[in-house]
Structure formats: structure tokens, C-alpha cells
Protein backbone atom coordinates (compact mmCIF):
# COMPACT_ATOMS: atom_id res chain seq x y z
CA MET A 1 -14.88 7.87 -17.23
CA SER A 2 -11.91 6.15 -18.74
CA SER A 3 -12.21 2.51 -19.75
CA ASN A 4 -8.69 1.50 -18.70
CA TRP A 5 -9.32 1.37 -14.94
CA ARG A 6 -8.50 -2.07 -13.63
CA ILE A 7 -10.08 -3.73 -10.60
CA SER A 8 -6.83 -3.50 -8.64
CA SER A 9 -6.56 0.23 -9.39
CA PHE A 10 -10.09 0.85 -8.23
CA ASN A 11 -9.54 -1.31 -5.13
CA GLY A 12 -6.26 0.52 -4.46
CA ALA A 13 -8.05 3.87 -4.69
CA LEU A 14 -10.59 2.68 -2.11
CA LEU A 15 -7.77 1.51 0.16
CA ALA A 16 -6.01 4.84 -0.24
CA ALA A 17 -9.23 6.61 0.71
CA TYR A 18 -9.12 4.70 4.01
CA PHE A 19 -5.41 4.55 4.80
CA ILE A 20 -4.38 8.10 3.88
CA PRO A 21 -6.58 9.94 6.42
CA VAL A 22 -6.55 7.29 9.15
CA TRP A 23 -2.82 6.57 9.20
CA THR A 24 -1.97 10.26 8.75
CA ILE A 25 -3.98 11.17 11.84
CA ILE A 26 -2.35 8.35 13.80
CA ALA A 27 1.15 9.37 12.67
CA PHE A 28 0.62 13.06 13.47
CA THR A 29 -0.75 12.15 16.90
CA ILE A 30 2.43 10.20 17.54
CA MET A 31 4.60 13.05 16.21
CA VAL A 32 2.96 15.64 18.46
CA SER A 33 3.06 13.52 21.61
CA PRO A 34 5.12 10.36 21.11
CA ILE A 35 4.35 8.51 24.34
CA HIS A 36 0.69 9.51 24.53
CA GLY A 37 0.18 8.79 20.81
CA LEU A 38 1.88 5.42 21.11
CA TYR A 39 -0.47 4.33 23.89
CA GLU A 40 -3.65 5.17 21.97
CA ARG A 41 -5.77 2.36 20.50
CA PRO A 42 -4.18 2.06 17.01
CA SER A 43 -0.66 1.64 18.39
CA VAL A 44 -1.23 0.32 21.90
CA SER A 45 -0.20 -3.22 20.98
CA ILE A 46 3.24 -2.02 19.90
CA ALA A 47 3.60 0.11 23.02
CA LEU A 48 2.61 -2.69 25.38
CA TYR A 49 4.82 -5.20 23.62
CA ALA A 50 7.77 -2.78 23.79
CA SER A 51 7.24 -2.08 27.49
CA ASP A 52 6.47 -5.67 28.53
CA HIS A 53 8.92 -7.66 26.42
CA LEU A 54 11.65 -5.25 25.32
CA HIS A 55 11.89 -3.16 28.53
CA LEU A 56 12.68 0.03 26.64
CA ALA A 57 13.75 3.24 28.37
CA LYS A 58 11.86 6.50 27.86
CA MET A 59 14.02 7.80 25.00
CA ALA A 60 14.02 4.42 23.29
CA THR A 61 10.21 4.36 23.50
CA VAL A 62 10.09 7.85 21.96
CA ARG A 63 12.37 6.69 19.15
CA LEU A 64 10.18 3.64 18.59
CA ALA A 65 7.12 5.90 18.40
CA TRP A 66 8.78 8.17 15.86
CA LEU A 67 9.89 5.17 13.82
CA LEU A 68 6.31 3.89 13.81
CA ALA A 69 5.06 7.31 12.71
CA LEU A 70 7.66 7.39 9.94
CA ALA A 71 6.59 3.94 8.74
CA ARG A 72 2.94 4.98 8.65
CA ILE A 73 3.72 8.23 6.82
CA THR A 74 5.79 6.26 4.28
CA VAL A 75 2.83 4.01 3.51
CA VAL A 76 0.59 7.07 3.24
CA ALA A 77 3.07 8.71 0.84
CA PHE A 78 3.10 5.69 -1.46
CA PHE A 79 -0.70 5.57 -1.45
CA ALA A 80 -0.76 9.29 -2.33
CA VAL A 81 1.70 8.75 -5.20
CA PHE A 82 -0.47 5.89 -6.44
CA LEU A 83 -3.59 8.07 -6.36
CA ALA A 84 -1.84 10.91 -8.18
CA MET A 85 -0.54 8.58 -10.89
CA ALA A 86 -3.85 6.76 -11.25
CA ALA A 87 -5.91 9.94 -11.39
CA PHE A 88 -3.80 11.65 -14.05
CA ALA A 89 -5.37 10.25 -17.22
CA PRO A 90 -2.63 11.03 -19.81
CA PHE A 91 -0.01 9.36 -17.63
CA ARG A 92 -2.24 6.35 -17.05
CA LYS A 93 -3.02 5.95 -20.75
CA SER A 94 0.52 6.38 -22.04
CA ARG A 95 2.28 4.06 -19.62
CA GLY A 96 -0.49 1.56 -18.92
CA SER A 97 -0.17 0.49 -15.31
CA GLY A 98 2.60 2.80 -14.10
CA SER A 99 0.94 3.35 -10.77
CA ASP A 100 1.03 -0.35 -9.88
CA GLU A 101 4.54 -0.06 -8.46
CA ALA A 102 3.55 2.61 -5.96
CA LEU A 103 0.51 0.60 -4.94
CA ALA A 104 2.61 -2.56 -4.57
CA VAL A 105 5.10 -0.79 -2.29
CA ALA A 106 2.30 0.67 -0.17
CA LEU A 107 0.65 -2.74 0.09
CA CYS A 108 3.91 -4.45 1.01
CA LEU A 109 4.96 -1.94 3.68
CA GLY A 110 1.44 -1.64 5.07
CA SER A 111 1.04 -5.41 5.25
CA VAL A 112 4.32 -5.85 7.11
CA LEU A 113 3.37 -3.12 9.60
CA SER A 114 -0.15 -4.46 10.11
CA PHE A 115 1.08 -8.04 10.47
CA ALA A 116 3.71 -7.08 13.03
CA SER A 117 1.16 -5.02 14.96
CA MET A 118 -1.30 -7.90 14.85
CA MET A 119 1.29 -10.35 16.19
CA MET A 120 2.23 -7.95 18.98
CA ALA A 121 -1.44 -7.44 19.84
CA SER A 122 -1.92 -11.19 20.14
CA LYS A 123 1.14 -11.47 22.42
CA VAL A 124 -0.07 -8.77 24.83
CA GLY A 125 -3.76 -9.75 24.74
CA GLU A 126 -5.21 -6.60 23.13
CA ILE A 127 -8.26 -8.03 21.38
CA GLU A 128 -9.60 -4.78 19.88
CA ALA A 129 -6.19 -3.83 18.50
CA LEU A 130 -5.85 -7.36 17.14
CA ARG A 131 -9.16 -7.02 15.28
CA THR A 132 -8.20 -3.62 13.88
CA HIS A 133 -4.82 -4.79 12.60
CA ALA A 134 -6.27 -8.04 11.24
CA ALA A 135 -8.93 -6.12 9.30
CA GLU A 136 -6.29 -3.77 7.86
CA LEU A 137 -4.07 -6.71 6.95
CA LEU A 138 -6.92 -8.52 5.19
CA MET A 139 -7.78 -5.41 3.18
CA LEU A 140 -4.15 -5.00 2.09
CA LEU A 141 -3.67 -8.67 1.27
CA GLY A 142 -6.94 -8.80 -0.67
CA THR A 143 -5.80 -6.02 -2.94
CA ALA A 144 -2.38 -7.64 -3.34
CA ILE A 145 -4.02 -10.92 -4.40
CA VAL A 146 -6.23 -9.10 -6.90
CA MET A 147 -3.14 -7.35 -8.32
CA LEU A 148 -1.30 -10.65 -8.55
CA PHE A 149 -3.96 -12.53 -10.49
CA GLU A 150 -5.36 -9.71 -12.57
CA THR A 151 -4.30 -9.74 -16.19
CA SER A 152 -3.31 -6.57 -17.95
CA PRO A 153 -5.85 -5.12 -20.38
CA LYS A 154 -5.31 -6.20 -23.97
CA ARG A 155 -4.61 -3.52 -26.51
CA THR A 156 -6.76 -4.63 -29.44
CA ALA A 157 -6.62 -1.31 -31.26
CA GLU A 158 -2.83 -1.30 -31.62
CA ALA A 159 -2.28 -4.90 -32.78
CA PRO A 160 -3.96 -4.66 -36.24
CA ALA A 161 -2.32 -1.30 -36.94
CA THR A 162 1.20 -2.72 -36.62
CA GLU A 163 0.42 -5.74 -38.77
CA ALA A 164 -1.08 -3.64 -41.56
CA SER A 165 1.83 -1.20 -41.73
CA ALA A 166 4.58 -3.78 -42.36
CA PRO A 167 4.63 -6.00 -45.47
CA ALA A 168 4.78 -9.75 -44.96
CA SER A 169 8.28 -10.02 -46.51
CA GLU A 170 9.76 -7.78 -43.80
CA LEU A 171 8.33 -9.94 -41.01
CA SER A 172 10.33 -13.00 -41.96
CA LEU A 173 13.13 -13.92 -39.58
CA GLN A 174 15.13 -15.71 -42.29
CA GLN A 175 16.68 -12.98 -44.38
CA PRO A 176 19.40 -14.00 -46.88
């Protein structure tokens, strides 16, 4: 196993292992049957909020369901890109933490979606949906906090090699 795996990369891979299958199944359920899929447990808070507070018509509810499915598939796609970039060792070694951007986008979009769903669940009184969205939000925010405070790995092997190759006279900033 490679020694340049960071804690945030490992945590992101665990999150991707959860979010990719779960949110893909939810999104495809919504795509196949928008109204029925919207009123299932993972999305019921959004559906109830839309029907109770926004008074949407049937076609507007279908559009909302498809928009929700698109948002979930977008998060899944960024998690998949992160996994592909993190798993490909030559890419990971040559560019350091190139997969962090894909993970950051997935965390940001997923957190916004989970937070909005959690707020809607609290407004309509769906306790189980509230717990589900709160747990997802805490997982996403935990990884984001780890990414924020984690320092990048130091490259000790490259630092002495650059110092030894250049003479001390060339390193001076004051050249006549």
C-alpha cells in the first residue's frame, strides 16, 4: 500500500463507499417514478415541504423531483471522480493531492443538499428523515473539517536533492 494516503483521502473513500450506492439508488428511483420516488423516506421531507408550503402543481413537483435526482447524481459523480483519482497511484504520486478538489466539491454540494433536506424535515415534522439527513450532514462536515485542518505531507526526499545540486553562489539573491 502506498504511504501517501492522507486521512482525508481515506475518509473520503469511506464516504464515497456510502454515498455512491445509496444516493444512486435514490436518484434512479426518482428518475423512474418521480412522484413515487419523491415521497419515499430519503426524499419525503422535500416532497412534504413542497406540497405543504410551496403548493406546487403536478408538473412542478415532477420537475422538483428530477432536479433533486440531478443534484444527487452530481454529488455521486464527484465522489466517483475522487475515487478514480485517488485510486490511480501514478496520478496521486505525481500531483500530490489532485483528488482533493473533487472531494471538496462533493462535500460542498452534498452538505448543502443534506442541510436543506434536514431543515425541510424539521419544518414538516419528519423525525426519521431529519435523523437521516443530520447523520449524512455530520459525515460530510466531519470529512470537510479533517480536510481543512490536515497538513499536506512533507516531501523530505526532494528537499536535500535540490540543495545539493545547486552551488551556494547561485542561491544568492544579490547578484552584481
